[in-house]
Amino acid sequence: MARRFQFSLKSLMAIVVVLGLAFFWLEKYLSEQRPIDWQPFSRAMLEEKLAAGSPILVIFDVKGTVEPALETPKVRRLLRSTGIVPMRT
């Protein structure tokens, strides 16, 4: 009986580790697929973020042509990992 319980405990621990790794990978994958959280440009927000020491990316795009070019997994990952605040006009 002790041997059977030990096997079950090892199996349970292996399942927990595999599920934990799967959830970690899934969260990372889904966060890269989530669109960039563009903030509307305002001078007040710009000054607030600069005073807080936050890096800022401001896009001055009249026709909406620049934003789609930035919506790539690599750019999303960079913005989220560095804490850059994306703003658009």
N, C-alpha and C. Protein backbone atom coordinates (compact mmCIF):
# COMPACT_ATOMS: atom_id res chain seq x y z
N MET A 1 0.83 -1.20 0.00
CA MET A 1 0.00 0.00 0.00
C MET A 1 0.87 1.26 0.00
N ALA A 2 1.94 1.26 0.79
CA ALA A 2 2.81 2.43 0.85
C ALA A 2 3.45 2.68 -0.50
N ARG A 3 3.80 1.61 -1.20
CA ARG A 3 4.42 1.76 -2.52
C ARG A 3 3.41 2.35 -3.51
N ARG A 4 2.20 1.91 -3.45
CA ARG A 4 1.15 2.42 -4.34
C ARG A 4 0.91 3.91 -4.08
N PHE A 5 0.88 4.29 -2.81
CA PHE A 5 0.68 5.70 -2.44
C PHE A 5 1.87 6.55 -2.91
N GLN A 6 3.08 6.01 -2.77
CA GLN A 6 4.27 6.74 -3.19
C GLN A 6 4.24 6.97 -4.70
N PHE A 7 3.86 5.96 -5.46
CA PHE A 7 3.76 6.12 -6.91
C PHE A 7 2.73 7.17 -7.26
N SER A 8 1.61 7.16 -6.60
CA SER A 8 0.56 8.13 -6.87
C SER A 8 1.02 9.55 -6.53
N LEU A 9 1.77 9.72 -5.46
CA LEU A 9 2.26 11.04 -5.08
C LEU A 9 3.26 11.56 -6.11
N LYS A 10 4.14 10.68 -6.59
CA LYS A 10 5.10 11.08 -7.61
C LYS A 10 4.39 11.47 -8.90
N SER A 11 3.38 10.68 -9.26
CA SER A 11 2.61 10.98 -10.47
C SER A 11 1.90 12.32 -10.33
N LEU A 12 1.32 12.57 -9.19
CA LEU A 12 0.62 13.82 -8.93
C LEU A 12 1.57 15.00 -9.02
N MET A 13 2.76 14.85 -8.44
CA MET A 13 3.74 15.93 -8.48
C MET A 13 4.19 16.20 -9.92
N ALA A 14 4.38 15.15 -10.71
CA ALA A 14 4.77 15.32 -12.12
C ALA A 14 3.68 16.04 -12.89
N ILE A 15 2.43 15.69 -12.64
CA ILE A 15 1.31 16.35 -13.32
C ILE A 15 1.25 17.82 -12.94
N VAL A 16 1.45 18.13 -11.67
CA VAL A 16 1.43 19.52 -11.22
C VAL A 16 2.53 20.33 -11.90
N VAL A 17 3.72 19.75 -12.01
CA VAL A 17 4.84 20.45 -12.65
C VAL A 17 4.54 20.69 -14.13
N VAL A 18 4.05 19.68 -14.82
CA VAL A 18 3.72 19.82 -16.24
C VAL A 18 2.64 20.87 -16.45
N LEU A 19 1.59 20.83 -15.63
CA LEU A 19 0.51 21.82 -15.76
C LEU A 19 1.01 23.23 -15.46
N GLY A 20 1.87 23.36 -14.46
CA GLY A 20 2.44 24.67 -14.14
C GLY A 20 3.23 25.24 -15.30
N LEU A 21 4.06 24.40 -15.92
CA LEU A 21 4.83 24.86 -17.08
C LEU A 21 3.92 25.21 -18.25
N ALA A 22 2.87 24.42 -18.45
CA ALA A 22 1.93 24.70 -19.54
C ALA A 22 1.22 26.03 -19.31
N PHE A 23 0.78 26.30 -18.10
CA PHE A 23 0.11 27.57 -17.81
C PHE A 23 1.06 28.74 -17.96
N PHE A 24 2.32 28.57 -17.54
CA PHE A 24 3.32 29.62 -17.70
C PHE A 24 3.53 29.95 -19.18
N TRP A 25 3.67 28.91 -20.01
CA TRP A 25 3.87 29.11 -21.43
C TRP A 25 2.63 29.75 -22.07
N LEU A 26 1.46 29.27 -21.69
CA LEU A 26 0.22 29.79 -22.26
C LEU A 26 0.03 31.26 -21.92
N GLU A 27 0.31 31.65 -20.68
CA GLU A 27 0.18 33.05 -20.28
C GLU A 27 1.14 33.93 -21.07
N LYS A 28 2.36 33.46 -21.25
CA LYS A 28 3.35 34.22 -22.02
C LYS A 28 2.90 34.35 -23.47
N TYR A 29 2.42 33.26 -24.06
CA TYR A 29 1.96 33.27 -25.45
C TYR A 29 0.77 34.21 -25.62
N LEU A 30 -0.20 34.13 -24.72
CA LEU A 30 -1.38 34.97 -24.83
C LEU A 30 -1.05 36.44 -24.62
N SER A 31 -0.10 36.75 -23.73
CA SER A 31 0.25 38.15 -23.51
C SER A 31 0.91 38.74 -24.74
N GLU A 32 1.62 37.94 -25.52
CA GLU A 32 2.22 38.43 -26.76
C GLU A 32 1.17 38.66 -27.83
N GLN A 33 0.05 37.96 -27.76
CA GLN A 33 -1.01 38.10 -28.75
C GLN A 33 -1.95 39.26 -28.43
N ARG A 34 -1.95 39.69 -27.17
CA ARG A 34 -2.83 40.79 -26.75
C ARG A 34 -2.35 42.08 -27.40
N PRO A 35 -3.24 42.88 -28.00
CA PRO A 35 -2.81 44.12 -28.65
C PRO A 35 -2.18 45.10 -27.67
N ILE A 36 -1.39 46.00 -28.21
CA ILE A 36 -0.75 47.04 -27.40
C ILE A 36 -1.83 47.93 -26.80
N ASP A 37 -1.68 48.26 -25.54
CA ASP A 37 -2.64 49.10 -24.83
C ASP A 37 -2.28 50.57 -25.06
N TRP A 38 -2.65 51.09 -26.23
CA TRP A 38 -2.34 52.48 -26.57
C TRP A 38 -3.13 53.43 -25.69
N GLN A 39 -2.45 54.40 -25.13
CA GLN A 39 -3.08 55.44 -24.32
C GLN A 39 -3.27 56.67 -25.20
N PRO A 40 -4.39 57.37 -25.07
CA PRO A 40 -4.55 58.60 -25.85
C PRO A 40 -3.56 59.65 -25.35
N PHE A 41 -2.97 60.35 -26.30
CA PHE A 41 -1.98 61.35 -25.93
C PHE A 41 -2.65 62.53 -25.24
N SER A 42 -2.06 62.93 -24.13
CA SER A 42 -2.46 64.18 -23.47
C SER A 42 -1.21 64.74 -22.81
N ARG A 43 -1.12 66.03 -22.80
CA ARG A 43 0.06 66.67 -22.21
C ARG A 43 0.15 66.35 -20.71
N ALA A 44 -0.99 66.30 -20.04
CA ALA A 44 -1.00 66.01 -18.60
C ALA A 44 -0.45 64.61 -18.33
N MET A 45 -0.90 63.62 -19.13
CA MET A 45 -0.41 62.27 -18.93
C MET A 45 1.07 62.17 -19.27
N LEU A 46 1.48 62.86 -20.31
CA LEU A 46 2.89 62.87 -20.70
C LEU A 46 3.75 63.40 -19.56
N GLU A 47 3.36 64.53 -19.00
CA GLU A 47 4.13 65.12 -17.89
C GLU A 47 4.12 64.21 -16.66
N GLU A 48 2.98 63.58 -16.40
CA GLU A 48 2.87 62.68 -15.25
C GLU A 48 3.82 61.49 -15.40
N LYS A 49 3.82 60.87 -16.57
CA LYS A 49 4.67 59.71 -16.80
C LYS A 49 6.15 60.09 -16.81
N LEU A 50 6.47 61.24 -17.39
CA LEU A 50 7.86 61.69 -17.39
C LEU A 50 8.34 61.98 -15.96
N ALA A 51 7.48 62.59 -15.15
CA ALA A 51 7.85 62.89 -13.77
C ALA A 51 8.07 61.59 -12.97
N ALA A 52 7.33 60.55 -13.34
CA ALA A 52 7.48 59.26 -12.65
C ALA A 52 8.69 58.48 -13.17
N GLY A 53 9.32 58.98 -14.24
CA GLY A 53 10.49 58.32 -14.80
C GLY A 53 10.15 57.18 -15.76
N SER A 54 8.91 57.15 -16.23
CA SER A 54 8.50 56.09 -17.16
C SER A 54 8.96 56.41 -18.57
N PRO A 55 9.49 55.41 -19.28
CA PRO A 55 9.81 55.63 -20.69
C PRO A 55 8.52 55.71 -21.49
N ILE A 56 8.50 56.51 -22.52
CA ILE A 56 7.27 56.76 -23.28
C ILE A 56 7.54 56.63 -24.77
N LEU A 57 6.60 56.05 -25.48
CA LEU A 57 6.61 56.00 -26.94
C LEU A 57 5.40 56.78 -27.41
N VAL A 58 5.63 57.87 -28.13
CA VAL A 58 4.53 58.68 -28.65
C VAL A 58 4.51 58.53 -30.17
N ILE A 59 3.36 58.14 -30.69
CA ILE A 59 3.18 57.99 -32.13
C ILE A 59 2.26 59.11 -32.61
N PHE A 60 2.76 59.90 -33.53
CA PHE A 60 1.96 60.95 -34.16
C PHE A 60 1.53 60.40 -35.51
N ASP A 61 0.35 59.83 -35.54
CA ASP A 61 -0.13 59.12 -36.73
C ASP A 61 -1.52 59.62 -37.08
N VAL A 62 -1.61 60.36 -38.17
CA VAL A 62 -2.88 60.96 -38.56
C VAL A 62 -3.82 59.95 -39.21
N LYS A 63 -3.30 59.10 -40.07
CA LYS A 63 -4.16 58.20 -40.84
C LYS A 63 -4.24 56.78 -40.29
N GLY A 64 -3.58 56.48 -39.20
CA GLY A 64 -3.63 55.14 -38.62
C GLY A 64 -2.78 54.13 -39.35
N THR A 65 -1.71 54.57 -39.99
CA THR A 65 -0.88 53.65 -40.76
C THR A 65 0.32 53.12 -39.98
N VAL A 66 0.80 53.86 -38.99
CA VAL A 66 1.98 53.43 -38.25
C VAL A 66 1.63 52.37 -37.21
N GLU A 67 0.52 52.54 -36.54
CA GLU A 67 0.15 51.63 -35.45
C GLU A 67 0.12 50.16 -35.87
N PRO A 68 -0.51 49.79 -37.00
CA PRO A 68 -0.52 48.36 -37.37
C PRO A 68 0.89 47.79 -37.58
N ALA A 69 1.82 48.60 -38.05
CA ALA A 69 3.18 48.12 -38.26
C ALA A 69 3.87 47.79 -36.94
N LEU A 70 3.44 48.41 -35.86
CA LEU A 70 4.04 48.16 -34.55
C LEU A 70 3.40 46.99 -33.81
N GLU A 71 2.27 46.52 -34.29
CA GLU A 71 1.55 45.43 -33.61
C GLU A 71 2.15 44.07 -33.98
N THR A 72 3.38 43.86 -33.56
CA THR A 72 4.04 42.57 -33.77
C THR A 72 4.38 41.98 -32.40
N PRO A 73 4.51 40.67 -32.31
CA PRO A 73 4.87 40.06 -31.01
C PRO A 73 6.17 40.62 -30.43
N LYS A 74 7.15 40.89 -31.29
CA LYS A 74 8.44 41.40 -30.81
C LYS A 74 8.28 42.78 -30.17
N VAL A 75 7.52 43.66 -30.81
CA VAL A 75 7.30 45.01 -30.27
C VAL A 75 6.46 44.94 -29.00
N ARG A 76 5.42 44.11 -29.01
CA ARG A 76 4.58 43.95 -27.80
C ARG A 76 5.43 43.48 -26.62
N ARG A 77 6.27 42.49 -26.86
CA ARG A 77 7.14 41.95 -25.82
C ARG A 77 8.09 43.03 -25.30
N LEU A 78 8.67 43.81 -26.20
CA LEU A 78 9.58 44.88 -25.81
C LEU A 78 8.88 45.94 -24.96
N LEU A 79 7.71 46.37 -25.41
CA LEU A 79 6.98 47.40 -24.66
C LEU A 79 6.60 46.91 -23.26
N ARG A 80 6.13 45.68 -23.17
CA ARG A 80 5.70 45.15 -21.86
C ARG A 80 6.88 44.86 -20.95
N SER A 81 7.97 44.37 -21.50
CA SER A 81 9.12 44.02 -20.64
C SER A 81 9.87 45.23 -20.13
N THR A 82 9.83 46.34 -20.87
CA THR A 82 10.56 47.54 -20.45
C THR A 82 9.68 48.56 -19.75
N GLY A 83 8.37 48.34 -19.77
CA GLY A 83 7.46 49.28 -19.10
C GLY A 83 7.24 50.57 -19.87
N ILE A 84 7.51 50.53 -21.17
CA ILE A 84 7.29 51.73 -22.00
C ILE A 84 5.79 51.99 -22.10
N VAL A 85 5.42 53.25 -21.93
CA VAL A 85 4.02 53.66 -22.03
C VAL A 85 3.75 54.09 -23.47
N PRO A 86 2.95 53.31 -24.23
CA PRO A 86 2.66 53.70 -25.61
C PRO A 86 1.51 54.70 -25.67
N MET A 87 1.75 55.82 -26.33
CA MET A 87 0.73 56.86 -26.49
C MET A 87 0.59 57.19 -27.96
N ARG A 88 -0.62 57.52 -28.37
CA ARG A 88 -0.84 57.92 -29.77
C ARG A 88 -1.72 59.17 -29.82
N THR A 89 -1.51 59.92 -30.86
CA THR A 89 -2.29 61.15 -31.05
C THR A 89 -3.55 60.84 -31.82
